[in-house]
């Protein structure tokens, strides 16, 4: 598994459409073989820490594309 974290810790609070480009190299650098990916997951919060309460609301994820 690979985890890519947004540079802005408050990114989840931005209330306008925002593009976030993640270079595929960020996954390869963590040992992911891009030809062997069978699923992706999108999460919010601190990975592995369920003790910090979160917020509520709606988020939209669209135009997820993979390209070189």
N, C-alpha and C. Protein backbone atom coordinates (compact mmCIF):
# COMPACT_ATOMS: atom_id res chain seq x y z
N UNK A 1 0.84 -1.19 0.00
CA UNK A 1 0.00 0.00 0.00
C UNK A 1 0.88 1.24 0.00
N UNK A 2 0.37 2.28 -0.58
CA UNK A 2 1.07 3.56 -0.61
C UNK A 2 0.11 4.64 -0.14
N UNK A 3 0.65 5.63 0.53
CA UNK A 3 -0.17 6.74 1.02
C UNK A 3 0.44 8.04 0.52
N UNK A 4 -0.38 8.87 -0.08
CA UNK A 4 0.04 10.20 -0.51
C UNK A 4 -0.79 11.21 0.27
N UNK A 5 -0.12 12.12 0.93
CA UNK A 5 -0.78 13.11 1.79
C UNK A 5 -0.74 14.47 1.11
N UNK A 6 -1.84 15.18 1.17
CA UNK A 6 -1.90 16.53 0.59
C UNK A 6 -0.97 17.46 1.36
N UNK A 7 -0.33 18.38 0.65
CA UNK A 7 0.59 19.33 1.29
C UNK A 7 -0.11 20.26 2.27
N UNK A 8 -1.38 20.54 2.04
CA UNK A 8 -2.14 21.46 2.89
C UNK A 8 -2.95 20.66 3.90
N UNK A 9 -2.61 20.73 5.19
CA UNK A 9 -3.36 19.96 6.19
C UNK A 9 -4.83 20.37 6.30
N UNK A 10 -5.18 21.53 5.77
CA UNK A 10 -6.56 21.99 5.81
C UNK A 10 -7.27 21.79 4.48
N UNK A 11 -6.71 20.98 3.61
CA UNK A 11 -7.27 20.78 2.27
C UNK A 11 -8.72 20.31 2.31
N UNK A 12 -9.08 19.53 3.30
CA UNK A 12 -10.46 19.01 3.39
C UNK A 12 -11.47 20.09 3.75
N UNK A 13 -10.99 21.26 4.14
CA UNK A 13 -11.92 22.34 4.52
C UNK A 13 -12.11 23.36 3.41
N UNK A 14 -11.42 23.20 2.29
CA UNK A 14 -11.57 24.13 1.16
C UNK A 14 -12.96 23.95 0.57
N UNK A 15 -13.68 25.04 0.39
CA UNK A 15 -15.08 24.93 -0.04
C UNK A 15 -15.30 25.25 -1.52
N UNK A 16 -14.25 25.20 -2.30
CA UNK A 16 -14.38 25.38 -3.75
C UNK A 16 -13.68 24.22 -4.45
N UNK A 17 -14.03 24.02 -5.73
CA UNK A 17 -13.41 22.95 -6.49
C UNK A 17 -11.92 23.20 -6.54
N UNK A 18 -11.15 22.18 -6.23
CA UNK A 18 -9.70 22.30 -6.21
C UNK A 18 -9.09 21.08 -6.87
N UNK A 19 -8.20 21.31 -7.81
CA UNK A 19 -7.51 20.20 -8.46
C UNK A 19 -6.32 19.77 -7.61
N UNK A 20 -6.15 18.48 -7.46
CA UNK A 20 -4.98 17.94 -6.77
C UNK A 20 -4.36 16.91 -7.69
N UNK A 21 -3.22 17.24 -8.24
CA UNK A 21 -2.52 16.35 -9.15
C UNK A 21 -1.49 15.57 -8.34
N UNK A 22 -1.57 14.25 -8.43
CA UNK A 22 -0.62 13.38 -7.74
C UNK A 22 0.18 12.64 -8.82
N UNK A 23 1.46 12.92 -8.95
CA UNK A 23 2.26 12.22 -9.95
C UNK A 23 2.29 10.71 -9.66
N UNK A 24 2.16 9.89 -10.70
CA UNK A 24 2.22 8.44 -10.50
C UNK A 24 3.55 8.03 -9.87
N UNK A 25 4.57 8.82 -10.09
CA UNK A 25 5.87 8.53 -9.50
C UNK A 25 5.80 8.49 -7.97
N UNK A 26 4.86 9.23 -7.38
CA UNK A 26 4.70 9.22 -5.92
C UNK A 26 4.34 7.83 -5.42
N UNK A 27 3.63 7.05 -6.24
CA UNK A 27 3.28 5.68 -5.87
C UNK A 27 4.43 4.72 -6.18
N UNK A 28 5.05 4.92 -7.33
CA UNK A 28 6.19 4.07 -7.68
C UNK A 28 7.31 4.22 -6.66
N UNK A 29 7.51 5.43 -6.15
CA UNK A 29 8.55 5.67 -5.15
C UNK A 29 8.30 4.89 -3.86
N UNK A 30 7.05 4.47 -3.65
CA UNK A 30 6.69 3.69 -2.46
C UNK A 30 6.59 2.20 -2.76
N UNK A 31 7.08 1.81 -3.93
CA UNK A 31 7.13 0.40 -4.27
C UNK A 31 5.91 -0.16 -4.99
N UNK A 32 4.99 0.70 -5.39
CA UNK A 32 3.80 0.23 -6.09
C UNK A 32 4.15 -0.06 -7.55
N UNK A 33 3.75 -1.22 -8.02
CA UNK A 33 3.91 -1.59 -9.43
C UNK A 33 2.63 -1.17 -10.13
N UNK A 34 2.71 -0.14 -10.93
CA UNK A 34 1.50 0.47 -11.50
C UNK A 34 0.73 -0.46 -12.42
N UNK A 35 1.37 -1.45 -12.98
CA UNK A 35 0.66 -2.40 -13.84
C UNK A 35 -0.07 -3.47 -13.04
N UNK A 36 0.05 -3.42 -11.71
CA UNK A 36 -0.56 -4.45 -10.86
C UNK A 36 -1.53 -3.84 -9.84
N UNK A 37 -2.07 -2.67 -10.13
CA UNK A 37 -3.02 -2.02 -9.22
C UNK A 37 -4.42 -2.51 -9.53
N UNK A 38 -5.14 -3.00 -8.50
CA UNK A 38 -6.50 -3.46 -8.73
C UNK A 38 -7.54 -2.68 -7.93
N UNK A 39 -7.10 -1.74 -7.10
CA UNK A 39 -8.05 -0.90 -6.38
C UNK A 39 -7.34 0.33 -5.83
N UNK A 40 -8.13 1.37 -5.60
CA UNK A 40 -7.63 2.57 -4.94
C UNK A 40 -8.60 2.93 -3.83
N UNK A 41 -8.13 3.65 -2.85
CA UNK A 41 -8.99 4.11 -1.76
C UNK A 41 -8.67 5.57 -1.49
N UNK A 42 -9.69 6.32 -1.14
CA UNK A 42 -9.53 7.73 -0.78
C UNK A 42 -9.98 7.87 0.66
N UNK A 43 -9.15 8.48 1.48
CA UNK A 43 -9.49 8.63 2.89
C UNK A 43 -9.18 10.02 3.39
N UNK A 44 -9.75 10.34 4.51
CA UNK A 44 -9.52 11.63 5.17
C UNK A 44 -9.09 11.37 6.60
N UNK A 45 -8.31 12.28 7.14
CA UNK A 45 -7.89 12.15 8.52
C UNK A 45 -6.47 11.63 8.62
N UNK A 46 -6.10 11.22 9.81
CA UNK A 46 -4.77 10.71 10.09
C UNK A 46 -4.80 9.20 9.98
N UNK A 47 -4.06 8.65 9.02
CA UNK A 47 -4.05 7.20 8.80
C UNK A 47 -3.68 6.46 10.08
N UNK A 48 -4.50 5.52 10.47
CA UNK A 48 -4.22 4.70 11.64
C UNK A 48 -4.63 5.32 12.96
N UNK A 49 -5.15 6.54 12.96
CA UNK A 49 -5.55 7.19 14.22
C UNK A 49 -7.04 7.47 14.18
N UNK A 50 -7.81 6.64 14.86
CA UNK A 50 -9.27 6.81 14.87
C UNK A 50 -9.74 7.57 16.11
N UNK A 51 -8.81 8.07 16.92
CA UNK A 51 -9.20 8.76 18.15
C UNK A 51 -9.48 10.24 17.94
N UNK A 52 -9.06 10.80 16.82
CA UNK A 52 -9.29 12.21 16.55
C UNK A 52 -10.64 12.36 15.84
N UNK A 53 -11.58 13.09 16.46
CA UNK A 53 -12.90 13.22 15.83
C UNK A 53 -12.81 14.01 14.53
N UNK A 54 -13.68 13.66 13.61
CA UNK A 54 -13.69 14.34 12.32
C UNK A 54 -14.86 15.27 12.20
N UNK A 55 -15.09 15.73 11.00
CA UNK A 55 -16.20 16.62 10.73
C UNK A 55 -17.30 15.89 10.00
N UNK A 56 -18.17 16.66 9.42
CA UNK A 56 -19.24 16.07 8.64
C UNK A 56 -19.48 16.96 7.43
N UNK A 57 -20.14 16.42 6.44
CA UNK A 57 -20.41 17.17 5.24
C UNK A 57 -20.32 16.29 4.02
N UNK A 58 -20.24 16.91 2.87
CA UNK A 58 -20.21 16.19 1.61
C UNK A 58 -18.95 16.56 0.85
N UNK A 59 -18.29 15.57 0.30
CA UNK A 59 -17.14 15.79 -0.58
C UNK A 59 -17.42 15.10 -1.89
N UNK A 60 -16.98 15.71 -2.96
CA UNK A 60 -17.13 15.13 -4.29
C UNK A 60 -15.75 14.84 -4.86
N UNK A 61 -15.58 13.65 -5.38
CA UNK A 61 -14.34 13.25 -6.05
C UNK A 61 -14.71 12.93 -7.49
N UNK A 62 -14.11 13.64 -8.42
CA UNK A 62 -14.44 13.38 -9.81
C UNK A 62 -13.20 13.49 -10.68
N UNK A 63 -13.36 13.03 -11.88
CA UNK A 63 -12.28 13.09 -12.86
C UNK A 63 -10.99 12.47 -12.35
N UNK A 64 -11.10 11.30 -11.75
CA UNK A 64 -9.90 10.57 -11.34
C UNK A 64 -9.33 9.93 -12.59
N UNK A 65 -8.12 10.36 -12.95
CA UNK A 65 -7.50 9.89 -14.19
C UNK A 65 -6.09 9.40 -13.91
N UNK A 66 -5.68 8.42 -14.64
CA UNK A 66 -4.31 7.93 -14.58
C UNK A 66 -3.69 8.13 -15.94
N UNK A 67 -2.56 8.80 -15.97
CA UNK A 67 -1.85 9.00 -17.23
C UNK A 67 -0.40 9.31 -16.96
N UNK A 68 0.41 9.08 -17.95
CA UNK A 68 1.85 9.37 -17.85
C UNK A 68 2.17 10.55 -18.72
